[in-house]
Structures are given as C-alpha cells and as structure tokens.
N, C-alpha and C. Protein backbone atom coordinates (compact mmCIF):
# COMPACT_ATOMS: atom_id res chain seq x y z
N MET A 1 -53.70 63.36 21.31
CA MET A 1 -53.22 61.98 21.23
C MET A 1 -54.16 61.17 20.35
N SER A 2 -53.61 60.47 19.36
CA SER A 2 -54.41 59.66 18.46
C SER A 2 -54.98 58.46 19.19
N ALA A 3 -56.13 57.97 18.70
CA ALA A 3 -56.75 56.82 19.34
C ALA A 3 -55.89 55.58 19.21
N ARG A 4 -55.46 55.26 18.00
CA ARG A 4 -54.63 54.09 17.78
C ARG A 4 -53.53 54.45 16.78
N VAL A 5 -52.35 53.92 17.02
CA VAL A 5 -51.19 54.29 16.21
C VAL A 5 -50.38 53.06 15.84
N VAL A 6 -50.00 52.96 14.56
CA VAL A 6 -49.06 51.94 14.10
C VAL A 6 -47.84 52.65 13.55
N VAL A 7 -46.66 52.15 13.90
CA VAL A 7 -45.41 52.66 13.35
C VAL A 7 -44.78 51.55 12.53
N VAL A 8 -44.53 51.83 11.26
CA VAL A 8 -43.99 50.84 10.34
C VAL A 8 -42.54 51.20 10.03
N VAL A 9 -41.63 50.31 10.39
CA VAL A 9 -40.20 50.50 10.13
C VAL A 9 -39.83 49.67 8.91
N GLY A 10 -39.22 50.32 7.93
CA GLY A 10 -38.93 49.65 6.67
C GLY A 10 -40.08 49.84 5.70
N ALA A 11 -40.67 51.04 5.73
CA ALA A 11 -41.85 51.32 4.91
C ALA A 11 -41.49 51.39 3.44
N GLY A 12 -42.31 50.74 2.63
CA GLY A 12 -42.09 50.72 1.20
C GLY A 12 -43.31 50.22 0.47
N PRO A 13 -43.16 49.82 -0.78
CA PRO A 13 -44.32 49.48 -1.61
C PRO A 13 -44.85 48.07 -1.44
N GLY A 14 -44.16 47.20 -0.71
CA GLY A 14 -44.58 45.81 -0.60
C GLY A 14 -45.48 45.53 0.58
N VAL A 15 -45.10 44.55 1.39
CA VAL A 15 -45.92 44.14 2.54
C VAL A 15 -46.11 45.30 3.51
N SER A 16 -45.06 46.05 3.75
CA SER A 16 -45.16 47.16 4.71
C SER A 16 -46.16 48.21 4.23
N GLY A 17 -46.18 48.46 2.92
CA GLY A 17 -47.14 49.41 2.38
C GLY A 17 -48.57 48.91 2.51
N SER A 18 -48.76 47.64 2.20
CA SER A 18 -50.10 47.05 2.34
C SER A 18 -50.57 47.10 3.79
N LEU A 19 -49.66 46.84 4.72
CA LEU A 19 -50.02 46.85 6.13
C LEU A 19 -50.37 48.26 6.59
N ALA A 20 -49.59 49.24 6.17
CA ALA A 20 -49.87 50.63 6.54
C ALA A 20 -51.24 51.06 6.03
N ARG A 21 -51.54 50.71 4.79
CA ARG A 21 -52.85 51.08 4.22
C ARG A 21 -53.99 50.35 4.93
N ALA A 22 -53.75 49.10 5.33
CA ALA A 22 -54.79 48.33 6.02
C ALA A 22 -55.13 48.96 7.37
N TYR A 23 -54.11 49.35 8.12
CA TYR A 23 -54.37 50.03 9.40
C TYR A 23 -55.05 51.37 9.17
N ALA A 24 -54.60 52.10 8.15
CA ALA A 24 -55.21 53.40 7.87
C ALA A 24 -56.69 53.25 7.51
N ALA A 25 -57.03 52.18 6.79
CA ALA A 25 -58.42 51.95 6.41
C ALA A 25 -59.31 51.74 7.63
N GLU A 26 -58.69 51.33 8.75
CA GLU A 26 -59.43 51.14 10.00
C GLU A 26 -59.39 52.40 10.87
N GLY A 27 -58.79 53.46 10.35
CA GLY A 27 -58.77 54.72 11.08
C GLY A 27 -57.56 54.94 11.97
N TRP A 28 -56.56 54.07 11.87
CA TRP A 28 -55.35 54.23 12.69
C TRP A 28 -54.47 55.35 12.13
N SER A 29 -53.83 56.08 13.00
CA SER A 29 -52.76 56.99 12.59
C SER A 29 -51.53 56.14 12.27
N VAL A 30 -50.70 56.64 11.33
CA VAL A 30 -49.62 55.82 10.81
C VAL A 30 -48.29 56.58 10.83
N GLY A 31 -47.27 55.94 11.40
CA GLY A 31 -45.91 56.44 11.32
C GLY A 31 -45.13 55.59 10.35
N LEU A 32 -44.36 56.23 9.49
CA LEU A 32 -43.61 55.52 8.46
C LEU A 32 -42.14 55.89 8.52
N LEU A 33 -41.28 54.88 8.55
CA LEU A 33 -39.84 55.12 8.50
C LEU A 33 -39.24 54.22 7.43
N GLY A 34 -38.45 54.82 6.56
CA GLY A 34 -37.82 54.05 5.50
C GLY A 34 -36.62 54.76 4.94
N ALA A 35 -35.82 54.03 4.19
CA ALA A 35 -34.58 54.60 3.65
C ALA A 35 -34.76 55.25 2.29
N ASP A 36 -35.80 54.85 1.57
CA ASP A 36 -36.04 55.38 0.23
C ASP A 36 -37.04 56.52 0.33
N GLY A 37 -36.54 57.75 0.21
CA GLY A 37 -37.40 58.92 0.40
C GLY A 37 -38.57 58.96 -0.55
N GLU A 38 -38.35 58.63 -1.81
CA GLU A 38 -39.43 58.68 -2.80
C GLU A 38 -40.54 57.72 -2.44
N ARG A 39 -40.17 56.52 -2.01
CA ARG A 39 -41.19 55.52 -1.67
C ARG A 39 -41.92 55.88 -0.38
N VAL A 40 -41.19 56.44 0.58
CA VAL A 40 -41.84 56.85 1.83
C VAL A 40 -42.85 57.96 1.56
N VAL A 41 -42.48 58.93 0.75
CA VAL A 41 -43.39 60.04 0.43
C VAL A 41 -44.61 59.51 -0.32
N GLU A 42 -44.39 58.60 -1.26
CA GLU A 42 -45.51 58.03 -2.02
C GLU A 42 -46.47 57.28 -1.11
N LEU A 43 -45.92 56.46 -0.22
CA LEU A 43 -46.78 55.70 0.70
C LEU A 43 -47.51 56.62 1.66
N ALA A 44 -46.83 57.65 2.14
CA ALA A 44 -47.48 58.60 3.04
C ALA A 44 -48.69 59.24 2.36
N GLY A 45 -48.54 59.57 1.08
CA GLY A 45 -49.66 60.14 0.34
C GLY A 45 -50.83 59.17 0.22
N GLN A 46 -50.52 57.90 -0.02
CA GLN A 46 -51.57 56.89 -0.13
C GLN A 46 -52.31 56.73 1.19
N VAL A 47 -51.56 56.73 2.28
CA VAL A 47 -52.17 56.56 3.60
C VAL A 47 -53.05 57.76 3.94
N ARG A 48 -52.60 58.95 3.59
CA ARG A 48 -53.39 60.16 3.89
C ARG A 48 -54.74 60.15 3.19
N GLU A 49 -54.81 59.45 2.07
CA GLU A 49 -56.07 59.38 1.34
C GLU A 49 -57.17 58.72 2.17
N ALA A 50 -56.76 57.95 3.19
CA ALA A 50 -57.74 57.33 4.09
C ALA A 50 -58.25 58.32 5.13
N GLY A 51 -57.69 59.52 5.13
CA GLY A 51 -58.15 60.56 6.06
C GLY A 51 -57.56 60.45 7.45
N VAL A 52 -56.39 59.80 7.57
CA VAL A 52 -55.77 59.63 8.88
C VAL A 52 -54.50 60.47 8.98
N GLU A 53 -54.02 60.63 10.21
CA GLU A 53 -52.77 61.35 10.42
C GLU A 53 -51.58 60.48 10.04
N VAL A 54 -50.59 61.11 9.43
CA VAL A 54 -49.38 60.39 9.02
C VAL A 54 -48.16 61.21 9.43
N GLU A 55 -47.18 60.52 9.97
CA GLU A 55 -45.88 61.12 10.26
C GLU A 55 -44.83 60.22 9.64
N SER A 56 -43.90 60.79 8.88
CA SER A 56 -42.91 59.96 8.20
C SER A 56 -41.51 60.49 8.42
N ALA A 57 -40.54 59.61 8.23
CA ALA A 57 -39.13 59.98 8.35
C ALA A 57 -38.32 59.12 7.38
N VAL A 58 -37.37 59.75 6.73
CA VAL A 58 -36.46 59.03 5.85
C VAL A 58 -35.16 58.85 6.61
N VAL A 59 -34.78 57.59 6.84
CA VAL A 59 -33.62 57.33 7.67
C VAL A 59 -33.04 55.95 7.36
N ASP A 60 -31.74 55.84 7.48
CA ASP A 60 -31.05 54.56 7.38
C ASP A 60 -31.17 53.91 8.76
N VAL A 61 -31.95 52.84 8.85
CA VAL A 61 -32.21 52.26 10.17
C VAL A 61 -31.01 51.52 10.73
N THR A 62 -29.95 51.36 9.93
CA THR A 62 -28.73 50.78 10.48
C THR A 62 -27.85 51.84 11.14
N ASP A 63 -28.20 53.09 10.95
CA ASP A 63 -27.53 54.19 11.66
C ASP A 63 -28.25 54.31 13.00
N THR A 64 -27.72 53.67 14.01
CA THR A 64 -28.42 53.51 15.28
C THR A 64 -28.88 54.84 15.88
N GLU A 65 -28.00 55.81 15.92
CA GLU A 65 -28.35 57.09 16.53
C GLU A 65 -29.42 57.81 15.73
N ALA A 66 -29.25 57.88 14.42
CA ALA A 66 -30.23 58.58 13.58
C ALA A 66 -31.58 57.86 13.60
N ALA A 67 -31.54 56.53 13.56
CA ALA A 67 -32.78 55.76 13.57
C ALA A 67 -33.52 55.92 14.88
N ALA A 68 -32.79 55.89 15.99
CA ALA A 68 -33.42 56.05 17.30
C ALA A 68 -34.10 57.42 17.40
N LEU A 69 -33.43 58.46 16.92
CA LEU A 69 -34.02 59.80 16.95
C LEU A 69 -35.26 59.86 16.08
N ALA A 70 -35.20 59.24 14.90
CA ALA A 70 -36.34 59.27 13.99
C ALA A 70 -37.55 58.53 14.57
N VAL A 71 -37.29 57.36 15.15
CA VAL A 71 -38.38 56.59 15.75
C VAL A 71 -39.02 57.38 16.90
N ARG A 72 -38.19 57.96 17.74
CA ARG A 72 -38.73 58.73 18.87
C ARG A 72 -39.52 59.94 18.39
N ARG A 73 -39.03 60.58 17.33
CA ARG A 73 -39.75 61.76 16.82
C ARG A 73 -41.13 61.38 16.31
N VAL A 74 -41.19 60.27 15.57
CA VAL A 74 -42.48 59.82 15.06
C VAL A 74 -43.41 59.44 16.21
N ALA A 75 -42.88 58.71 17.19
CA ALA A 75 -43.70 58.29 18.34
C ALA A 75 -44.18 59.49 19.14
N GLU A 76 -43.31 60.45 19.33
CA GLU A 76 -43.68 61.65 20.09
C GLU A 76 -44.78 62.45 19.39
N ARG A 77 -44.78 62.38 18.07
CA ARG A 77 -45.80 63.09 17.30
C ARG A 77 -47.20 62.62 17.69
N PHE A 78 -47.33 61.33 17.96
CA PHE A 78 -48.64 60.77 18.31
C PHE A 78 -48.84 60.60 19.81
N GLY A 79 -47.75 60.56 20.56
CA GLY A 79 -47.84 60.43 22.01
C GLY A 79 -47.82 59.02 22.52
N HIS A 80 -48.14 58.06 21.68
CA HIS A 80 -48.08 56.66 22.08
C HIS A 80 -48.06 55.80 20.82
N VAL A 81 -47.71 54.52 21.00
CA VAL A 81 -47.69 53.57 19.89
C VAL A 81 -48.43 52.31 20.33
N ASP A 82 -49.33 51.84 19.48
CA ASP A 82 -50.08 50.62 19.78
C ASP A 82 -49.46 49.40 19.10
N VAL A 83 -48.97 49.59 17.88
CA VAL A 83 -48.34 48.50 17.14
C VAL A 83 -47.07 49.03 16.48
N LEU A 84 -45.98 48.32 16.69
CA LEU A 84 -44.73 48.57 15.98
C LEU A 84 -44.54 47.42 15.00
N HIS A 85 -44.39 47.75 13.72
CA HIS A 85 -44.12 46.70 12.75
C HIS A 85 -42.74 46.88 12.15
N PHE A 86 -42.00 45.77 12.09
CA PHE A 86 -40.63 45.78 11.56
C PHE A 86 -40.58 44.94 10.30
N ASN A 87 -40.10 45.54 9.21
CA ASN A 87 -40.14 44.87 7.92
C ASN A 87 -38.79 44.70 7.21
N PRO A 88 -37.74 45.44 7.55
CA PRO A 88 -36.54 45.45 6.71
C PRO A 88 -35.80 44.12 6.63
N SER A 89 -35.21 43.89 5.48
CA SER A 89 -34.23 42.81 5.30
C SER A 89 -33.41 43.15 4.07
N ALA A 90 -32.25 42.53 3.96
CA ALA A 90 -31.36 42.79 2.83
C ALA A 90 -31.27 41.54 1.97
N PHE A 91 -31.49 41.70 0.67
CA PHE A 91 -31.30 40.58 -0.26
C PHE A 91 -29.99 40.82 -0.99
N ARG A 92 -29.05 39.93 -0.78
CA ARG A 92 -27.74 40.03 -1.42
C ARG A 92 -27.45 38.67 -2.05
N GLU A 93 -27.37 38.63 -3.36
CA GLU A 93 -27.20 37.34 -4.04
C GLU A 93 -25.73 36.93 -4.04
N LYS A 94 -25.35 36.33 -2.92
CA LYS A 94 -24.00 35.78 -2.77
C LYS A 94 -24.07 34.52 -1.94
N ASP A 95 -23.34 33.50 -2.38
CA ASP A 95 -23.32 32.26 -1.61
C ASP A 95 -22.24 32.35 -0.53
N PRO A 96 -22.14 31.34 0.34
CA PRO A 96 -21.18 31.43 1.45
C PRO A 96 -19.71 31.54 1.04
N LEU A 97 -19.38 31.19 -0.19
CA LEU A 97 -18.00 31.33 -0.64
C LEU A 97 -17.72 32.72 -1.21
N GLU A 98 -18.79 33.45 -1.52
CA GLU A 98 -18.65 34.80 -2.07
C GLU A 98 -18.90 35.87 -1.01
N LEU A 99 -19.77 35.56 -0.07
CA LEU A 99 -20.18 36.52 0.95
C LEU A 99 -19.03 36.82 1.90
N THR A 100 -18.78 38.09 2.13
CA THR A 100 -17.72 38.46 3.08
C THR A 100 -18.33 38.66 4.47
N VAL A 101 -17.49 38.60 5.46
CA VAL A 101 -17.95 38.83 6.83
C VAL A 101 -18.52 40.23 6.96
N THR A 102 -17.88 41.21 6.33
CA THR A 102 -18.37 42.59 6.39
C THR A 102 -19.76 42.70 5.79
N GLU A 103 -19.99 42.03 4.67
CA GLU A 103 -21.31 42.06 4.03
C GLU A 103 -22.36 41.37 4.89
N LEU A 104 -21.98 40.23 5.46
CA LEU A 104 -22.92 39.51 6.33
C LEU A 104 -23.33 40.37 7.52
N LEU A 105 -22.36 40.99 8.16
CA LEU A 105 -22.66 41.82 9.33
C LEU A 105 -23.50 43.04 8.95
N ALA A 106 -23.25 43.61 7.78
CA ALA A 106 -24.05 44.75 7.32
C ALA A 106 -25.50 44.33 7.10
N ASP A 107 -25.70 43.16 6.53
CA ASP A 107 -27.06 42.68 6.28
C ASP A 107 -27.77 42.34 7.59
N VAL A 108 -27.06 41.74 8.51
CA VAL A 108 -27.66 41.41 9.81
C VAL A 108 -27.99 42.68 10.59
N ALA A 109 -27.17 43.71 10.43
CA ALA A 109 -27.46 44.98 11.09
C ALA A 109 -28.80 45.54 10.63
N LEU A 110 -29.12 45.34 9.34
CA LEU A 110 -30.40 45.81 8.82
C LEU A 110 -31.54 44.88 9.22
N GLY A 111 -31.38 43.59 8.95
CA GLY A 111 -32.49 42.65 9.11
C GLY A 111 -32.75 42.18 10.52
N VAL A 112 -31.79 42.40 11.42
CA VAL A 112 -31.94 41.96 12.81
C VAL A 112 -31.66 43.11 13.78
N GLY A 113 -30.47 43.67 13.67
CA GLY A 113 -30.06 44.69 14.63
C GLY A 113 -30.98 45.89 14.68
N ALA A 114 -31.50 46.31 13.53
CA ALA A 114 -32.38 47.48 13.51
C ALA A 114 -33.66 47.26 14.30
N LEU A 115 -34.05 45.99 14.48
CA LEU A 115 -35.22 45.72 15.32
C LEU A 115 -34.96 46.14 16.76
N LEU A 116 -33.74 45.90 17.25
CA LEU A 116 -33.40 46.34 18.60
C LEU A 116 -33.56 47.85 18.74
N THR A 117 -33.04 48.58 17.77
CA THR A 117 -33.15 50.04 17.80
C THR A 117 -34.60 50.47 17.83
N ALA A 118 -35.42 49.85 16.98
CA ALA A 118 -36.83 50.21 16.89
C ALA A 118 -37.56 49.92 18.19
N VAL A 119 -37.32 48.74 18.76
CA VAL A 119 -38.02 48.36 19.99
C VAL A 119 -37.58 49.22 21.16
N GLN A 120 -36.28 49.41 21.30
CA GLN A 120 -35.78 50.20 22.43
C GLN A 120 -36.25 51.65 22.35
N SER A 121 -36.33 52.19 21.15
CA SER A 121 -36.76 53.58 20.98
C SER A 121 -38.27 53.74 21.15
N THR A 122 -39.02 52.70 20.83
CA THR A 122 -40.48 52.76 20.92
C THR A 122 -40.98 52.40 22.31
N ARG A 123 -40.20 51.67 23.08
CA ARG A 123 -40.66 51.14 24.36
C ARG A 123 -41.32 52.18 25.26
N PRO A 124 -40.80 53.41 25.40
CA PRO A 124 -41.46 54.37 26.29
C PRO A 124 -42.88 54.74 25.84
N TYR A 125 -43.21 54.42 24.59
CA TYR A 125 -44.51 54.80 24.05
C TYR A 125 -45.47 53.61 23.95
N LEU A 126 -44.99 52.44 24.31
CA LEU A 126 -45.80 51.23 24.30
C LEU A 126 -46.32 50.96 25.71
N SER A 127 -47.56 50.55 25.82
CA SER A 127 -48.13 50.19 27.12
C SER A 127 -48.86 48.86 26.98
N ALA A 128 -49.47 48.40 28.06
CA ALA A 128 -50.18 47.11 28.04
C ALA A 128 -51.14 47.07 26.86
N GLY A 129 -51.10 45.98 26.13
CA GLY A 129 -51.90 45.85 24.92
C GLY A 129 -51.12 46.17 23.67
N GLY A 130 -49.92 46.75 23.83
CA GLY A 130 -49.08 47.06 22.69
C GLY A 130 -48.56 45.80 22.02
N ARG A 131 -48.32 45.91 20.73
CA ARG A 131 -47.88 44.76 19.96
C ARG A 131 -46.70 45.11 19.06
N ILE A 132 -45.81 44.12 18.87
CA ILE A 132 -44.68 44.24 17.97
C ILE A 132 -44.79 43.10 16.97
N THR A 133 -44.85 43.43 15.69
CA THR A 133 -44.96 42.41 14.65
C THR A 133 -43.76 42.51 13.71
N VAL A 134 -43.39 41.36 13.15
CA VAL A 134 -42.22 41.29 12.28
C VAL A 134 -42.55 40.42 11.07
N THR A 135 -42.13 40.88 9.90
CA THR A 135 -42.29 40.07 8.69
C THR A 135 -41.17 39.04 8.63
N GLY A 136 -41.54 37.78 8.78
CA GLY A 136 -40.57 36.69 8.72
C GLY A 136 -40.61 36.01 7.36
N SER A 137 -39.80 34.98 7.22
CA SER A 137 -39.69 34.30 5.93
C SER A 137 -39.29 32.84 6.12
N MET A 138 -39.71 32.01 5.15
CA MET A 138 -39.31 30.61 5.18
C MET A 138 -37.80 30.46 4.99
N ALA A 139 -37.12 31.55 4.59
CA ALA A 139 -35.66 31.50 4.47
C ALA A 139 -35.00 31.19 5.80
N ALA A 140 -35.71 31.43 6.91
CA ALA A 140 -35.17 31.09 8.22
C ALA A 140 -34.94 29.59 8.37
N ASP A 141 -35.79 28.80 7.72
CA ASP A 141 -35.71 27.34 7.82
C ASP A 141 -35.20 26.69 6.54
N GLN A 142 -35.44 27.33 5.42
CA GLN A 142 -35.05 26.79 4.12
C GLN A 142 -34.28 27.84 3.33
N PRO A 143 -33.10 28.18 3.80
CA PRO A 143 -32.33 29.24 3.13
C PRO A 143 -31.89 28.83 1.73
N TRP A 144 -31.87 29.82 0.85
CA TRP A 144 -31.31 29.63 -0.49
C TRP A 144 -29.83 29.96 -0.40
N ASN A 145 -28.99 29.03 -0.78
CA ASN A 145 -27.55 29.24 -0.61
C ASN A 145 -27.03 30.44 -1.40
N ARG A 146 -27.75 30.82 -2.47
CA ARG A 146 -27.30 31.94 -3.28
C ARG A 146 -27.62 33.29 -2.64
N ALA A 147 -28.38 33.26 -1.56
CA ALA A 147 -28.64 34.49 -0.79
C ALA A 147 -28.46 34.14 0.68
N ALA A 148 -27.25 33.74 1.00
CA ALA A 148 -26.96 33.16 2.32
C ALA A 148 -27.27 34.11 3.47
N SER A 149 -27.05 35.39 3.29
CA SER A 149 -27.27 36.31 4.41
C SER A 149 -28.74 36.47 4.75
N LEU A 150 -29.63 36.27 3.77
CA LEU A 150 -31.06 36.44 4.04
C LEU A 150 -31.54 35.39 5.04
N GLY A 151 -31.12 34.16 4.88
CA GLY A 151 -31.51 33.11 5.83
C GLY A 151 -31.02 33.41 7.23
N VAL A 152 -29.81 33.92 7.33
CA VAL A 152 -29.26 34.29 8.64
C VAL A 152 -30.10 35.40 9.27
N GLN A 153 -30.46 36.41 8.45
CA GLN A 153 -31.28 37.51 8.97
C GLN A 153 -32.63 37.01 9.49
N LYS A 154 -33.29 36.19 8.69
CA LYS A 154 -34.64 35.77 9.06
C LYS A 154 -34.64 34.80 10.24
N ALA A 155 -33.63 33.97 10.34
CA ALA A 155 -33.52 33.11 11.51
C ALA A 155 -33.21 33.95 12.74
N GLY A 156 -32.34 34.93 12.57
CA GLY A 156 -31.95 35.78 13.69
C GLY A 156 -33.08 36.66 14.19
N VAL A 157 -33.83 37.24 13.28
CA VAL A 157 -34.90 38.14 13.72
C VAL A 157 -36.02 37.36 14.39
N ARG A 158 -36.29 36.15 13.92
CA ARG A 158 -37.31 35.32 14.56
C ARG A 158 -36.88 34.96 15.98
N ASN A 159 -35.62 34.62 16.14
CA ASN A 159 -35.10 34.30 17.47
C ASN A 159 -35.19 35.51 18.38
N LEU A 160 -34.85 36.68 17.86
CA LEU A 160 -34.90 37.90 18.66
C LEU A 160 -36.32 38.22 19.10
N VAL A 161 -37.28 37.94 18.25
CA VAL A 161 -38.69 38.18 18.60
C VAL A 161 -39.08 37.36 19.83
N HIS A 162 -38.62 36.11 19.90
CA HIS A 162 -38.93 35.28 21.08
C HIS A 162 -38.41 35.96 22.35
N SER A 163 -37.21 36.50 22.28
CA SER A 163 -36.61 37.15 23.45
C SER A 163 -37.32 38.45 23.79
N ILE A 164 -37.70 39.20 22.77
CA ILE A 164 -38.43 40.46 23.01
C ILE A 164 -39.75 40.18 23.70
N ASP A 165 -40.46 39.16 23.22
CA ASP A 165 -41.74 38.83 23.83
C ASP A 165 -41.56 38.39 25.28
N ALA A 166 -40.58 37.57 25.55
CA ALA A 166 -40.34 37.11 26.92
C ALA A 166 -40.00 38.26 27.84
N THR A 167 -39.32 39.27 27.31
CA THR A 167 -38.92 40.42 28.10
C THR A 167 -40.08 41.35 28.42
N LEU A 168 -41.00 41.48 27.47
CA LEU A 168 -42.06 42.50 27.60
C LEU A 168 -43.43 41.96 28.01
N LYS A 169 -43.60 40.65 28.00
CA LYS A 169 -44.95 40.12 28.22
C LYS A 169 -45.50 40.43 29.61
N GLU A 170 -44.64 40.56 30.61
CA GLU A 170 -45.13 40.88 31.95
C GLU A 170 -45.74 42.28 31.99
N ASP A 171 -45.37 43.10 31.03
CA ASP A 171 -45.95 44.45 30.92
C ASP A 171 -47.14 44.48 29.98
N GLY A 172 -47.55 43.32 29.49
CA GLY A 172 -48.71 43.25 28.61
C GLY A 172 -48.41 43.58 27.17
N ILE A 173 -47.13 43.64 26.82
CA ILE A 173 -46.71 43.94 25.45
C ILE A 173 -46.21 42.63 24.83
N ARG A 174 -46.74 42.29 23.66
CA ARG A 174 -46.39 41.01 23.05
C ARG A 174 -45.76 41.22 21.68
N ALA A 175 -44.94 40.24 21.30
CA ALA A 175 -44.24 40.29 20.02
C ALA A 175 -44.48 39.00 19.24
N VAL A 176 -44.53 39.12 17.92
CA VAL A 176 -44.78 37.96 17.08
C VAL A 176 -44.15 38.17 15.70
N SER A 177 -43.61 37.10 15.15
CA SER A 177 -43.16 37.14 13.76
C SER A 177 -44.06 36.23 12.94
N VAL A 178 -44.33 36.64 11.73
CA VAL A 178 -45.13 35.84 10.80
C VAL A 178 -44.19 35.29 9.73
N THR A 179 -44.05 33.98 9.71
CA THR A 179 -43.16 33.32 8.76
C THR A 179 -43.90 33.07 7.46
N VAL A 180 -43.54 33.82 6.44
CA VAL A 180 -44.20 33.72 5.14
C VAL A 180 -43.59 32.55 4.38
N ARG A 181 -44.37 31.50 4.23
CA ARG A 181 -43.86 30.28 3.60
C ARG A 181 -44.27 30.24 2.12
N GLY A 182 -43.78 31.19 1.40
CA GLY A 182 -44.07 31.29 -0.02
C GLY A 182 -43.37 32.52 -0.59
N THR A 183 -43.46 32.67 -1.90
CA THR A 183 -42.82 33.78 -2.58
C THR A 183 -43.83 34.87 -2.87
N LEU A 184 -43.51 36.08 -2.49
CA LEU A 184 -44.41 37.19 -2.74
C LEU A 184 -44.65 37.36 -4.24
N GLY A 185 -45.90 37.68 -4.59
CA GLY A 185 -46.25 37.88 -5.99
C GLY A 185 -47.43 38.81 -6.13
N SER A 186 -47.77 39.12 -7.35
CA SER A 186 -48.88 40.05 -7.62
C SER A 186 -50.23 39.36 -7.64
N GLU A 187 -50.22 38.03 -7.64
CA GLU A 187 -51.46 37.26 -7.64
C GLU A 187 -51.33 36.09 -6.68
N GLY A 188 -52.47 35.51 -6.32
CA GLY A 188 -52.46 34.32 -5.48
C GLY A 188 -52.41 34.63 -3.99
N PRO A 189 -52.07 33.63 -3.19
CA PRO A 189 -52.15 33.77 -1.73
C PRO A 189 -51.01 34.55 -1.09
N PHE A 190 -49.98 34.86 -1.88
CA PHE A 190 -48.82 35.53 -1.29
C PHE A 190 -48.64 36.95 -1.82
N THR A 191 -49.75 37.61 -2.11
CA THR A 191 -49.66 39.02 -2.46
C THR A 191 -49.35 39.81 -1.19
N PRO A 192 -48.78 41.00 -1.31
CA PRO A 192 -48.53 41.82 -0.12
C PRO A 192 -49.79 42.05 0.71
N ASP A 193 -50.93 42.21 0.06
CA ASP A 193 -52.18 42.45 0.80
C ASP A 193 -52.55 41.24 1.65
N ARG A 194 -52.36 40.04 1.11
CA ARG A 194 -52.71 38.83 1.86
C ARG A 194 -51.76 38.64 3.05
N VAL A 195 -50.49 38.90 2.83
CA VAL A 195 -49.53 38.78 3.92
C VAL A 195 -49.84 39.82 5.00
N ALA A 196 -50.24 41.01 4.58
CA ALA A 196 -50.61 42.05 5.54
C ALA A 196 -51.79 41.60 6.39
N GLU A 197 -52.74 40.90 5.79
CA GLU A 197 -53.87 40.38 6.55
C GLU A 197 -53.39 39.40 7.62
N ALA A 198 -52.41 38.58 7.27
CA ALA A 198 -51.87 37.61 8.23
C ALA A 198 -51.16 38.34 9.38
N LEU A 199 -50.48 39.42 9.08
CA LEU A 199 -49.82 40.20 10.13
C LEU A 199 -50.83 40.88 11.05
N LEU A 200 -51.91 41.38 10.48
CA LEU A 200 -52.98 41.96 11.31
C LEU A 200 -53.56 40.91 12.24
N ALA A 201 -53.82 39.73 11.70
CA ALA A 201 -54.39 38.66 12.52
C ALA A 201 -53.43 38.24 13.63
N ALA A 202 -52.14 38.21 13.32
CA ALA A 202 -51.14 37.82 14.33
C ALA A 202 -51.11 38.82 15.47
N ALA A 203 -51.22 40.09 15.16
CA ALA A 203 -51.22 41.13 16.19
C ALA A 203 -52.45 41.05 17.08
N ARG A 204 -53.51 40.47 16.56
CA ARG A 204 -54.78 40.44 17.26
C ARG A 204 -55.12 39.06 17.82
N GLN A 205 -54.16 38.17 17.85
CA GLN A 205 -54.41 36.84 18.40
C GLN A 205 -54.72 36.92 19.90
N ASP A 206 -55.40 35.92 20.40
CA ASP A 206 -55.77 35.87 21.81
C ASP A 206 -54.51 35.76 22.66
N GLU A 207 -54.35 36.69 23.60
CA GLU A 207 -53.14 36.70 24.41
C GLU A 207 -53.01 35.45 25.27
N ALA A 208 -54.13 34.84 25.62
CA ALA A 208 -54.09 33.64 26.46
C ALA A 208 -53.34 32.50 25.77
N GLY A 209 -53.39 32.47 24.46
CA GLY A 209 -52.70 31.43 23.72
C GLY A 209 -51.65 32.02 22.78
N TRP A 210 -51.02 33.07 23.24
CA TRP A 210 -50.12 33.83 22.38
C TRP A 210 -48.99 32.96 21.82
N ARG A 211 -48.76 33.11 20.52
CA ARG A 211 -47.64 32.45 19.86
C ARG A 211 -46.69 33.51 19.33
N THR A 212 -45.41 33.33 19.55
CA THR A 212 -44.44 34.31 19.10
C THR A 212 -43.99 34.10 17.66
N GLU A 213 -44.40 33.00 17.08
CA GLU A 213 -44.20 32.78 15.64
C GLU A 213 -45.43 32.14 15.06
N ILE A 214 -45.89 32.69 13.95
CA ILE A 214 -47.06 32.13 13.27
C ILE A 214 -46.69 31.92 11.80
N PRO A 215 -46.81 30.70 11.30
CA PRO A 215 -46.53 30.48 9.88
C PRO A 215 -47.70 30.93 9.02
N TYR A 216 -47.40 31.56 7.92
CA TYR A 216 -48.43 31.89 6.94
C TYR A 216 -48.19 31.01 5.72
N GLU A 217 -49.09 30.05 5.52
CA GLU A 217 -48.95 29.08 4.44
C GLU A 217 -49.69 29.49 3.19
N GLY A 218 -50.45 30.58 3.27
CA GLY A 218 -51.20 31.01 2.10
C GLY A 218 -52.53 30.29 1.98
C-alpha cells in the first residue's frame, strides 16, 4: 500500500498535469484517468520521472459503467486514495440559441455528472483525512454567452461539491472547488502550475475553518 495517493480524473497537459506532477514531486503515488490516450501516456511518463508509482487508464468518464470500473481499478492498485481531483469540462462554442438540449446534457454529463461517478467509485478507498478537489471557473458566476454550457457546468459542479462535502464531512472527508477567476495562460498568475498550487493549498486548508469553495484571484 502506497503512503499517499492522488487520483486525477480528466488527466491532461493543463492544470491536471501540473497537479499530478506537483504531487509526484512530493513523493505521492499517482492515478491518472483521461479520455485522450496519447496525453495520458505522456503525462504518466512525466510523473514516473519523479520516481513514484503511476497507474493510468484511458476512459470516457461519461460512460458511467466503464468509468466506474476504471476508477476502482486504479484505486485498487494502490489500496487507498488520499486525494481525488476532478478536472473535466467541455468547451462548446455555442450560445443559448444555437445550443441544443442534447448538447447541453452531454456537456453537463462530462463537467458535472462524471464527478458523481468518480466520488461514488472512490468512496470505498477514502477514509478520514481524505480530500476531493475540483477545478472550478469564474464561468460559474460570469458565463460567456458564446459558451453557454460551460457556465452551466461550472455552476453545477460547484454546487455539487457543497453537497458532497456535507455528505462526507462526518466521516472526515472534505470536498472543495477552486474557482479560477482568470484565463489560463503560459505566463503570469494563471499558469497551470500556479493554479495547481492553489488546488494543493485548498486540499490542505485547516479543517476547522473548511471552505467548500475557494476563489483563486491570481
């Protein structure tokens, strides 16, 4: 059984990749789940360079049955999970007059519904002190009309985090979303590495004053 384990759902080259590498640099074992096989393999290689154990799976997290099996397989590999991080969202450039109900529901299934699958599948491996973190966005409060579904996803996932935390806190497991109030870029305060630092800090906040949403202003 590994000493400490993080499982990253929606693993890729951005914030999720930076977060996986940050945990690996501290000696954590890392589980990676993502839909893009090439990116998952690349990230797994980068994480292994830190000398830690890595378990990865390529899966469509909106496929509830397949995603649940993949999450459980990764968790079983390590025997327990200390931090579950959820990163996925769908960017679809359509305004409310162009967006169809089917498209909206598909995007919400990825950006919100898949969190349920991840949490429910990981729960048997989480114990007191376990943490669930989610990459949030200012789109929850200031949606861009040309990407209407993204605002719905980010508002929905933040709301769901509040409910997850309320459900699990009596067992010592806490959940938090970090609302990124800026645009990700290669320089400045909103690089993936800086956002990853904010997510690490959110997971390690004092439980006595636990907040289920933390804004990251850069």
